Each structure stands twice: as C-alpha cells, then as structure tokens.
Amino acid sequence: MTVAMILLAIFDDRGALAVHERSLKRDQLKSEVNAIKKQNDEYRKDIENFRSDPATIEKRAREEMKMVKPDEIILELPEETTPTKEPAAK
C-alpha cells in the first residue's frame, strides 16, 4: 500500500513529475512572454520615432523602399567579390 501511494505521488497527473514538467513549461512560457514584451517595446519605440522624427521616416524610405528626392540619382554598385586564383599558365 505504501509503495502504491509513493508511485501515485510521483507518477500521477498531479504528482511530482507532472508538477516539475508544468514548472518547466511555465518557465519556458515566461521566457517567451518576456521576449515578446521586449519586441513590443521596440515596436513602440519605432512607432514613436515614425510619429515624431522625420529623419527616421526618410531613412526607412530610402533604405527599404529605395525612394529618392526629385533631384537625386541612385548609383548601385555591384558587391565586391574576391577574385579566385587561377593556376598560372606555363
């Protein structure tokens, strides 16, 4: 009878193992919530900058939308690549 009680205390859905698993899951969820809160704070800062800082709007428009002012010209250069060494011909 005592062995059965111990087994139930450990392996039952309200036993020690289940409590430990739920505790791990709770910690994981808390970590996810904190990461999402941090991301939300960054979004709030971005929104505030878009509402109040014209330089932020201009920067985003130029970098992401490739927008230019009427009197500007964009020159896009190809990315530099390192030349490969070819064996010298003899």
PDB file of N, CA and C in Angstrom:
ATOM      1  N   MET A   1       0.821  -1.195   0.000  1.00  0.00           N
ATOM      2  CA  MET A   1       0.000   0.000   0.000  1.00  0.00           C
ATOM      3  C   MET A   1       0.870   1.267   0.000  1.00  0.00           C
ATOM      4  N   THR A   2       1.925   1.275   0.793  1.00  0.00           N
ATOM      5  CA  THR A   2       2.815   2.430   0.861  1.00  0.00           C
ATOM      6  C   THR A   2       3.511   2.645  -0.473  1.00  0.00           C
ATOM      7  N   VAL A   3       3.916   1.556  -1.123  1.00  0.00           N
ATOM      8  CA  VAL A   3       4.570   1.658  -2.431  1.00  0.00           C
ATOM      9  C   VAL A   3       3.613   2.270  -3.446  1.00  0.00           C
ATOM     10  N   ALA A   4       2.364   1.864  -3.405  1.00  0.00           N
ATOM     11  CA  ALA A   4       1.366   2.407  -4.331  1.00  0.00           C
ATOM     12  C   ALA A   4       1.173   3.898  -4.099  1.00  0.00           C
ATOM     13  N   MET A   5       1.157   4.316  -2.850  1.00  0.00           N
ATOM     14  CA  MET A   5       0.994   5.740  -2.534  1.00  0.00           C
ATOM     15  C   MET A   5       2.194   6.548  -3.048  1.00  0.00           C
ATOM     16  N   ILE A   6       3.384   5.982  -2.895  1.00  0.00           N
ATOM     17  CA  ILE A   6       4.591   6.671  -3.368  1.00  0.00           C
ATOM     18  C   ILE A   6       4.564   6.778  -4.890  1.00  0.00           C
ATOM     19  N   LEU A   7       4.178   5.671  -5.558  1.00  0.00           N
ATOM     20  CA  LEU A   7       4.103   5.701  -7.024  1.00  0.00           C
ATOM     21  C   LEU A   7       3.085   6.725  -7.505  1.00  0.00           C
ATOM     22  N   LEU A   8       1.943   6.790  -6.830  1.00  0.00           N
ATOM     23  CA  LEU A   8       0.936   7.788  -7.197  1.00  0.00           C
ATOM     24  C   LEU A   8       1.458   9.207  -6.959  1.00  0.00           C
ATOM     25  N   ALA A   9       2.163   9.396  -5.868  1.00  0.00           N
ATOM     26  CA  ALA A   9       2.690  10.723  -5.559  1.00  0.00           C
ATOM     27  C   ALA A   9       3.701  11.178  -6.599  1.00  0.00           C
ATOM     28  N   ILE A  10       4.392  10.230  -7.226  1.00  0.00           N
ATOM     29  CA  ILE A  10       5.396  10.584  -8.232  1.00  0.00           C
ATOM     30  C   ILE A  10       4.807  10.636  -9.631  1.00  0.00           C
ATOM     31  N   PHE A  11       4.056   9.619 -10.023  1.00  0.00           N
ATOM     32  CA  PHE A  11       3.652   9.460 -11.417  1.00  0.00           C
ATOM     33  C   PHE A  11       2.227   9.890 -11.736  1.00  0.00           C
ATOM     34  N   ASP A  12       1.424  10.230 -10.769  1.00  0.00           N
ATOM     35  CA  ASP A  12       0.046  10.672 -11.007  1.00  0.00           C
ATOM     36  C   ASP A  12       0.067  11.994 -11.777  1.00  0.00           C
ATOM     37  N   ASP A  13      -1.069  12.369 -12.441  1.00  0.00           N
ATOM     38  CA  ASP A  13      -1.055  13.621 -13.199  1.00  0.00           C
ATOM     39  C   ASP A  13      -0.958  14.843 -12.293  1.00  0.00           C
ATOM     40  N   ARG A  14      -1.037  14.671 -11.010  1.00  0.00           N
ATOM     41  CA  ARG A  14      -0.791  15.758 -10.069  1.00  0.00           C
ATOM     42  C   ARG A  14       0.422  15.442  -9.194  1.00  0.00           C
ATOM     43  N   GLY A  15       1.210  14.474  -9.632  1.00  0.00           N
ATOM     44  CA  GLY A  15       2.378  14.044  -8.867  1.00  0.00           C
ATOM     45  C   GLY A  15       3.588  14.929  -9.103  1.00  0.00           C
ATOM     46  N   ALA A  16       4.675  14.527  -8.502  1.00  0.00           N
ATOM     47  CA  ALA A  16       5.906  15.321  -8.534  1.00  0.00           C
ATOM     48  C   ALA A  16       6.426  15.524  -9.951  1.00  0.00           C
ATOM     49  N   LEU A  17       6.383  14.488 -10.781  1.00  0.00           N
ATOM     50  CA  LEU A  17       6.877  14.637 -12.157  1.00  0.00           C
ATOM     51  C   LEU A  17       6.019  15.611 -12.962  1.00  0.00           C
ATOM     52  N   ALA A  18       4.713  15.493 -12.793  1.00  0.00           N
ATOM     53  CA  ALA A  18       3.811  16.393 -13.516  1.00  0.00           C
ATOM     54  C   ALA A  18       4.005  17.835 -13.062  1.00  0.00           C
ATOM     55  N   VAL A  19       4.182  18.010 -11.757  1.00  0.00           N
ATOM     56  CA  VAL A  19       4.412  19.356 -11.229  1.00  0.00           C
ATOM     57  C   VAL A  19       5.720  19.918 -11.778  1.00  0.00           C
ATOM     58  N   HIS A  20       6.739  19.097 -11.836  1.00  0.00           N
ATOM     59  CA  HIS A  20       8.026  19.534 -12.373  1.00  0.00           C
ATOM     60  C   HIS A  20       7.906  19.903 -13.860  1.00  0.00           C
ATOM     61  N   GLU A  21       7.207  19.083 -14.629  1.00  0.00           N
ATOM     62  CA  GLU A  21       7.019  19.376 -16.059  1.00  0.00           C
ATOM     63  C   GLU A  21       6.255  20.681 -16.247  1.00  0.00           C
ATOM     64  N   ARG A  22       5.223  20.879 -15.423  1.00  0.00           N
ATOM     65  CA  ARG A  22       4.450  22.127 -15.528  1.00  0.00           C
ATOM     66  C   ARG A  22       5.310  23.331 -15.132  1.00  0.00           C
ATOM     67  N   SER A  23       6.170  23.133 -14.162  1.00  0.00           N
ATOM     68  CA  SER A  23       7.061  24.211 -13.754  1.00  0.00           C
ATOM     69  C   SER A  23       8.016  24.579 -14.888  1.00  0.00           C
ATOM     70  N   LEU A  24       8.556  23.574 -15.572  1.00  0.00           N
ATOM     71  CA  LEU A  24       9.438  23.836 -16.713  1.00  0.00           C
ATOM     72  C   LEU A  24       8.685  24.553 -17.827  1.00  0.00           C
ATOM     73  N   LYS A  25       7.469  24.111 -18.087  1.00  0.00           N
ATOM     74  CA  LYS A  25       6.645  24.733 -19.130  1.00  0.00           C
ATOM     75  C   LYS A  25       6.333  26.183 -18.764  1.00  0.00           C
ATOM     76  N   ARG A  26       6.022  26.423 -17.482  1.00  0.00           N
ATOM     77  CA  ARG A  26       5.739  27.782 -17.025  1.00  0.00           C
ATOM     78  C   ARG A  26       6.956  28.676 -17.222  1.00  0.00           C
ATOM     79  N   ASP A  27       8.140  28.172 -16.887  1.00  0.00           N
ATOM     80  CA  ASP A  27       9.368  28.954 -17.066  1.00  0.00           C
ATOM     81  C   ASP A  27       9.611  29.266 -18.539  1.00  0.00           C
ATOM     82  N   GLN A  28       9.342  28.286 -19.402  1.00  0.00           N
ATOM     83  CA  GLN A  28       9.505  28.496 -20.844  1.00  0.00           C
ATOM     84  C   GLN A  28       8.534  29.571 -21.331  1.00  0.00           C
ATOM     85  N   LEU A  29       7.286  29.493 -20.877  1.00  0.00           N
ATOM     86  CA  LEU A  29       6.293  30.482 -21.294  1.00  0.00           C
ATOM     87  C   LEU A  29       6.642  31.875 -20.783  1.00  0.00           C
ATOM     88  N   LYS A  30       7.151  31.955 -19.545  1.00  0.00           N
ATOM     89  CA  LYS A  30       7.569  33.254 -19.012  1.00  0.00           C
ATOM     90  C   LYS A  30       8.687  33.848 -19.864  1.00  0.00           C
ATOM     91  N   SER A  31       9.603  33.004 -20.280  1.00  0.00           N
ATOM     92  CA  SER A  31      10.695  33.467 -21.125  1.00  0.00           C
ATOM     93  C   SER A  31      10.165  33.977 -22.464  1.00  0.00           C
ATOM     94  N   GLU A  32       9.229  33.255 -23.050  1.00  0.00           N
ATOM     95  CA  GLU A  32       8.630  33.688 -24.315  1.00  0.00           C
ATOM     96  C   GLU A  32       7.887  35.005 -24.141  1.00  0.00           C
ATOM     97  N   VAL A  33       7.152  35.137 -23.042  1.00  0.00           N
ATOM     98  CA  VAL A  33       6.410  36.372 -22.782  1.00  0.00           C
ATOM     99  C   VAL A  33       7.375  37.544 -22.644  1.00  0.00           C
ATOM    100  N   ASN A  34       8.481  37.347 -21.931  1.00  0.00           N
ATOM    101  CA  ASN A  34       9.462  38.423 -21.774  1.00  0.00           C
ATOM    102  C   ASN A  34      10.071  38.824 -23.113  1.00  0.00           C
ATOM    103  N   ALA A  35      10.356  37.844 -23.962  1.00  0.00           N
ATOM    104  CA  ALA A  35      10.907  38.159 -25.281  1.00  0.00           C
ATOM    105  C   ALA A  35       9.893  38.939 -26.118  1.00  0.00           C
ATOM    106  N   ILE A  36       8.642  38.560 -26.041  1.00  0.00           N
ATOM    107  CA  ILE A  36       7.592  39.265 -26.791  1.00  0.00           C
ATOM    108  C   ILE A  36       7.395  40.674 -26.245  1.00  0.00           C
ATOM    109  N   LYS A  37       7.464  40.836 -24.919  1.00  0.00           N
ATOM    110  CA  LYS A  37       7.353  42.177 -24.335  1.00  0.00           C
ATOM    111  C   LYS A  37       8.498  43.070 -24.810  1.00  0.00           C
ATOM    112  N   LYS A  38       9.684  42.507 -24.871  1.00  0.00           N
ATOM    113  CA  LYS A  38      10.841  43.270 -25.347  1.00  0.00           C
ATOM    114  C   LYS A  38      10.641  43.690 -26.800  1.00  0.00           C
ATOM    115  N   GLN A  39      10.158  42.771 -27.633  1.00  0.00           N
ATOM    116  CA  GLN A  39       9.898  43.094 -29.041  1.00  0.00           C
ATOM    117  C   GLN A  39       8.818  44.164 -29.158  1.00  0.00           C
ATOM    118  N   ASN A  40       7.778  44.068 -28.326  1.00  0.00           N
ATOM    119  CA  ASN A  40       6.713  45.078 -28.339  1.00  0.00           C
ATOM    120  C   ASN A  40       7.262  46.452 -27.965  1.00  0.00           C
ATOM    121  N   ASP A  41       8.163  46.495 -26.981  1.00  0.00           N
ATOM    122  CA  ASP A  41       8.775  47.770 -26.603  1.00  0.00           C
ATOM    123  C   ASP A  41       9.552  48.366 -27.772  1.00  0.00           C
ATOM    124  N   GLU A  42      10.263  47.520 -28.513  1.00  0.00           N
ATOM    125  CA  GLU A  42      10.991  48.006 -29.685  1.00  0.00           C
ATOM    126  C   GLU A  42      10.032  48.532 -30.743  1.00  0.00           C
ATOM    127  N   TYR A  43       8.916  47.839 -30.950  1.00  0.00           N
ATOM    128  CA  TYR A  43       7.909  48.318 -31.902  1.00  0.00           C
ATOM    129  C   TYR A  43       7.334  49.660 -31.455  1.00  0.00           C
ATOM    130  N   ARG A  44       7.071  49.802 -30.162  1.00  0.00           N
ATOM    131  CA  ARG A  44       6.544  51.072 -29.655  1.00  0.00           C
ATOM    132  C   ARG A  44       7.523  52.215 -29.915  1.00  0.00           C
ATOM    133  N   LYS A  45       8.815  51.958 -29.693  1.00  0.00           N
ATOM    134  CA  LYS A  45       9.834  52.984 -29.964  1.00  0.00           C
ATOM    135  C   LYS A  45       9.860  53.343 -31.446  1.00  0.00           C
ATOM    136  N   ASP A  46       9.780  52.324 -32.301  1.00  0.00           N
ATOM    137  CA  ASP A  46       9.748  52.585 -33.746  1.00  0.00           C
ATOM    138  C   ASP A  46       8.541  53.436 -34.117  1.00  0.00           C
ATOM    139  N   ILE A  47       7.388  53.096 -33.586  1.00  0.00           N
ATOM    140  CA  ILE A  47       6.164  53.848 -33.889  1.00  0.00           C
ATOM    141  C   ILE A  47       6.308  55.296 -33.438  1.00  0.00           C
ATOM    142  N   GLU A  48       6.828  55.489 -32.233  1.00  0.00           N
ATOM    143  CA  GLU A  48       7.021  56.852 -31.725  1.00  0.00           C
ATOM    144  C   GLU A  48       7.996  57.632 -32.604  1.00  0.00           C
ATOM    145  N   ASN A  49       9.059  56.971 -33.043  1.00  0.00           N
ATOM    146  CA  ASN A  49      10.012  57.643 -33.939  1.00  0.00           C
ATOM    147  C   ASN A  49       9.369  58.006 -35.265  1.00  0.00           C
ATOM    148  N   PHE A  50       8.526  57.142 -35.790  1.00  0.00           N
ATOM    149  CA  PHE A  50       7.852  57.447 -37.048  1.00  0.00           C
ATOM    150  C   PHE A  50       6.886  58.614 -36.879  1.00  0.00           C
ATOM    151  N   ARG A  51       6.285  58.736 -35.724  1.00  0.00           N
ATOM    152  CA  ARG A  51       5.340  59.827 -35.490  1.00  0.00           C
ATOM    153  C   ARG A  51       6.035  61.167 -35.262  1.00  0.00           C
ATOM    154  N   SER A  52       7.249  61.132 -34.714  1.00  0.00           N
ATOM    155  CA  SER A  52       7.842  62.391 -34.281  1.00  0.00           C
ATOM    156  C   SER A  52       9.169  62.757 -34.953  1.00  0.00           C
ATOM    157  N   ASP A  53       9.803  61.836 -35.662  1.00  0.00           N
ATOM    158  CA  ASP A  53      11.141  62.111 -36.196  1.00  0.00           C
ATOM    159  C   ASP A  53      11.159  61.959 -37.724  1.00  0.00           C
ATOM    160  N   PRO A  54      11.180  63.052 -38.442  1.00  0.00           N
ATOM    161  CA  PRO A  54      11.204  62.973 -39.906  1.00  0.00           C
ATOM    162  C   PRO A  54      12.436  62.240 -40.445  1.00  0.00           C
ATOM    163  N   ALA A  55      13.551  62.312 -39.740  1.00  0.00           N
ATOM    164  CA  ALA A  55      14.762  61.626 -40.203  1.00  0.00           C
ATOM    165  C   ALA A  55      14.562  60.108 -40.209  1.00  0.00           C
ATOM    166  N   THR A  56      13.808  59.599 -39.245  1.00  0.00           N
ATOM    167  CA  THR A  56      13.525  58.161 -39.202  1.00  0.00           C
ATOM    168  C   THR A  56      12.687  57.748 -40.410  1.00  0.00           C
ATOM    169  N   ILE A  57      11.709  58.556 -40.732  1.00  0.00           N
ATOM    170  CA  ILE A  57      10.855  58.257 -41.890  1.00  0.00           C
ATOM    171  C   ILE A  57      11.684  58.282 -43.167  1.00  0.00           C
ATOM    172  N   GLU A  58      12.519  59.314 -43.311  1.00  0.00           N
ATOM    173  CA  GLU A  58      13.346  59.422 -44.506  1.00  0.00           C
ATOM    174  C   GLU A  58      14.315  58.240 -44.622  1.00  0.00           C
ATOM    175  N   LYS A  59      14.933  57.874 -43.515  1.00  0.00           N
ATOM    176  CA  LYS A  59      15.885  56.756 -43.525  1.00  0.00           C
ATOM    177  C   LYS A  59      15.204  55.466 -43.977  1.00  0.00           C
ATOM    178  N   ARG A  60      14.038  55.177 -43.430  1.00  0.00           N
ATOM    179  CA  ARG A  60      13.319  53.953 -43.800  1.00  0.00           C
ATOM    180  C   ARG A  60      12.903  54.006 -45.259  1.00  0.00           C
ATOM    181  N   ALA A  61      12.429  55.148 -45.706  1.00  0.00           N
ATOM    182  CA  ALA A  61      12.004  55.285 -47.103  1.00  0.00           C
ATOM    183  C   ALA A  61      13.176  55.077 -48.058  1.00  0.00           C
ATOM    184  N   ARG A  62      14.325  55.604 -47.715  1.00  0.00           N
ATOM    185  CA  ARG A  62      15.489  55.466 -48.584  1.00  0.00           C
ATOM    186  C   ARG A  62      16.036  54.038 -48.591  1.00  0.00           C
ATOM    187  N   GLU A  63      16.172  53.456 -47.398  1.00  0.00           N
ATOM    188  CA  GLU A  63      16.821  52.147 -47.296  1.00  0.00           C
ATOM    189  C   GLU A  63      15.921  50.993 -47.741  1.00  0.00           C
ATOM    190  N   GLU A  64      14.672  51.023 -47.349  1.00  0.00           N
ATOM    191  CA  GLU A  64      13.805  49.873 -47.620  1.00  0.00           C
ATOM    192  C   GLU A  64      12.965  50.029 -48.881  1.00  0.00           C
ATOM    193  N   MET A  65      12.615  51.253 -49.213  1.00  0.00           N
ATOM    194  CA  MET A  65      11.747  51.465 -50.374  1.00  0.00           C
ATOM    195  C   MET A  65      12.499  52.057 -51.550  1.00  0.00           C
ATOM    196  N   LYS A  66      13.789  52.312 -51.353  1.00  0.00           N
ATOM    197  CA  LYS A  66      14.644  52.855 -52.416  1.00  0.00           C
ATOM    198  C   LYS A  66      14.091  54.170 -52.965  1.00  0.00           C
ATOM    199  N   MET A  67      13.507  54.986 -52.111  1.00  0.00           N
ATOM    200  CA  MET A  67      12.955  56.266 -52.539  1.00  0.00           C
ATOM    201  C   MET A  67      14.062  57.314 -52.578  1.00  0.00           C
ATOM    202  N   VAL A  68      13.915  58.276 -53.474  1.00  0.00           N
ATOM    203  CA  VAL A  68      14.887  59.359 -53.613  1.00  0.00           C
ATOM    204  C   VAL A  68      14.142  60.677 -53.722  1.00  0.00           C
ATOM    205  N   LYS A  69      14.875  61.745 -53.471  1.00  0.00           N
ATOM    206  CA  LYS A  69      14.313  63.080 -53.683  1.00  0.00           C
ATOM    207  C   LYS A  69      14.325  63.365 -55.178  1.00  0.00           C
ATOM    208  N   PRO A  70      13.499  64.290 -55.647  1.00  0.00           N
ATOM    209  CA  PRO A  70      13.389  64.531 -57.088  1.00  0.00           C
ATOM    210  C   PRO A  70      14.703  64.840 -57.793  1.00  0.00           C
ATOM    211  N   ASP A  71      15.656  65.491 -57.129  1.00  0.00           N
ATOM    212  CA  ASP A  71      16.892  65.877 -57.800  1.00  0.00           C
ATOM    213  C   ASP A  71      18.050  64.896 -57.549  1.00  0.00           C
ATOM    214  N   GLU A  72      17.769  63.737 -57.030  1.00  0.00           N
ATOM    215  CA  GLU A  72      18.820  62.766 -56.717  1.00  0.00           C
ATOM    216  C   GLU A  72      18.852  61.622 -57.727  1.00  0.00           C
ATOM    217  N   ILE A  73      20.034  61.028 -57.830  1.00  0.00           N
ATOM    218  CA  ILE A  73      20.229  59.854 -58.682  1.00  0.00           C
ATOM    219  C   ILE A  73      20.879  58.781 -57.816  1.00  0.00           C
ATOM    220  N   ILE A  74      20.397  57.564 -57.934  1.00  0.00           N
ATOM    221  CA  ILE A  74      20.967  56.454 -57.168  1.00  0.00           C
ATOM    222  C   ILE A  74      21.927  55.681 -58.052  1.00  0.00           C
ATOM    223  N   LEU A  75      23.098  55.437 -57.512  1.00  0.00           N
ATOM    224  CA  LEU A  75      24.075  54.574 -58.179  1.00  0.00           C
ATOM    225  C   LEU A  75      24.250  53.339 -57.309  1.00  0.00           C
ATOM    226  N   GLU A  76      23.891  52.204 -57.823  1.00  0.00           N
ATOM    227  CA  GLU A  76      24.080  50.958 -57.094  1.00  0.00           C
ATOM    228  C   GLU A  76      25.246  50.218 -57.702  1.00  0.00           C
ATOM    229  N   LEU A  77      26.250  49.985 -56.891  1.00  0.00           N
ATOM    230  CA  LEU A  77      27.437  49.282 -57.352  1.00  0.00           C
ATOM    231  C   LEU A  77      27.315  47.804 -57.006  1.00  0.00           C
ATOM    232  N   PRO A  78      27.864  46.957 -57.857  1.00  0.00           N
ATOM    233  CA  PRO A  78      27.810  45.528 -57.530  1.00  0.00           C
ATOM    234  C   PRO A  78      28.652  45.252 -56.291  1.00  0.00           C
ATOM    235  N   GLU A  79      28.257  44.235 -55.560  1.00  0.00           N
ATOM    236  CA  GLU A  79      29.019  43.873 -54.375  1.00  0.00           C
ATOM    237  C   GLU A  79      30.385  43.374 -54.789  1.00  0.00           C
ATOM    238  N   GLU A  80      31.367  43.691 -53.974  1.00  0.00           N
ATOM    239  CA  GLU A  80      32.727  43.265 -54.283  1.00  0.00           C
ATOM    240  C   GLU A  80      32.842  41.765 -54.070  1.00  0.00           C
ATOM    241  N   THR A  81      33.498  41.129 -54.998  1.00  0.00           N
ATOM    242  CA  THR A  81      33.774  39.707 -54.847  1.00  0.00           C
ATOM    243  C   THR A  81      35.277  39.521 -54.870  1.00  0.00           C
ATOM    244  N   THR A  82      35.741  38.546 -54.141  1.00  0.00           N
ATOM    245  CA  THR A  82      37.179  38.294 -54.144  1.00  0.00           C
ATOM    246  C   THR A  82      37.505  37.417 -55.338  1.00  0.00           C
ATOM    247  N   PRO A  83      38.489  37.842 -56.131  1.00  0.00           N
ATOM    248  CA  PRO A  83      38.826  37.031 -57.312  1.00  0.00           C
ATOM    249  C   PRO A  83      39.451  35.701 -56.881  1.00  0.00           C
ATOM    250  N   THR A  84      39.143  34.677 -57.641  1.00  0.00           N
ATOM    251  CA  THR A  84      39.741  33.384 -57.370  1.00  0.00           C
ATOM    252  C   THR A  84      41.038  33.274 -58.137  1.00  0.00           C
ATOM    253  N   LYS A  85      41.999  32.639 -57.522  1.00  0.00           N
ATOM    254  CA  LYS A  85      43.299  32.483 -58.194  1.00  0.00           C
ATOM    255  C   LYS A  85      43.218  31.307 -59.154  1.00  0.00           C
ATOM    256  N   GLU A  86      43.569  31.581 -60.362  1.00  0.00           N
ATOM    257  CA  GLU A  86      43.621  30.516 -61.362  1.00  0.00           C
ATOM    258  C   GLU A  86      45.068  30.073 -61.514  1.00  0.00           C
ATOM    259  N   PRO A  87      45.289  28.800 -61.796  1.00  0.00           N
ATOM    260  CA  PRO A  87      46.674  28.350 -61.953  1.00  0.00           C
ATOM    261  C   PRO A  87      47.332  29.093 -63.122  1.00  0.00           C
ATOM    262  N   ALA A  88      48.570  29.477 -62.891  1.00  0.00           N
ATOM    263  CA  ALA A  88      49.321  30.193 -63.928  1.00  0.00           C
ATOM    264  C   ALA A  88      49.617  29.272 -65.093  1.00  0.00           C
ATOM    265  N   ALA A  89      49.439  29.797 -66.297  1.00  0.00           N
ATOM    266  CA  ALA A  89      49.715  29.008 -67.491  1.00  0.00           C
ATOM    267  C   ALA A  89      51.223  29.048 -67.775  1.00  0.00           C
ATOM    268  N   LYS A  90      51.820  27.903 -68.160  1.00  0.00           N
ATOM    269  CA  LYS A  90      53.250  27.852 -68.462  1.00  0.00           C
ATOM    270  C   LYS A  90      53.497  27.643 -69.899  1.00  0.00           C
TER     271      LYS A  90
END
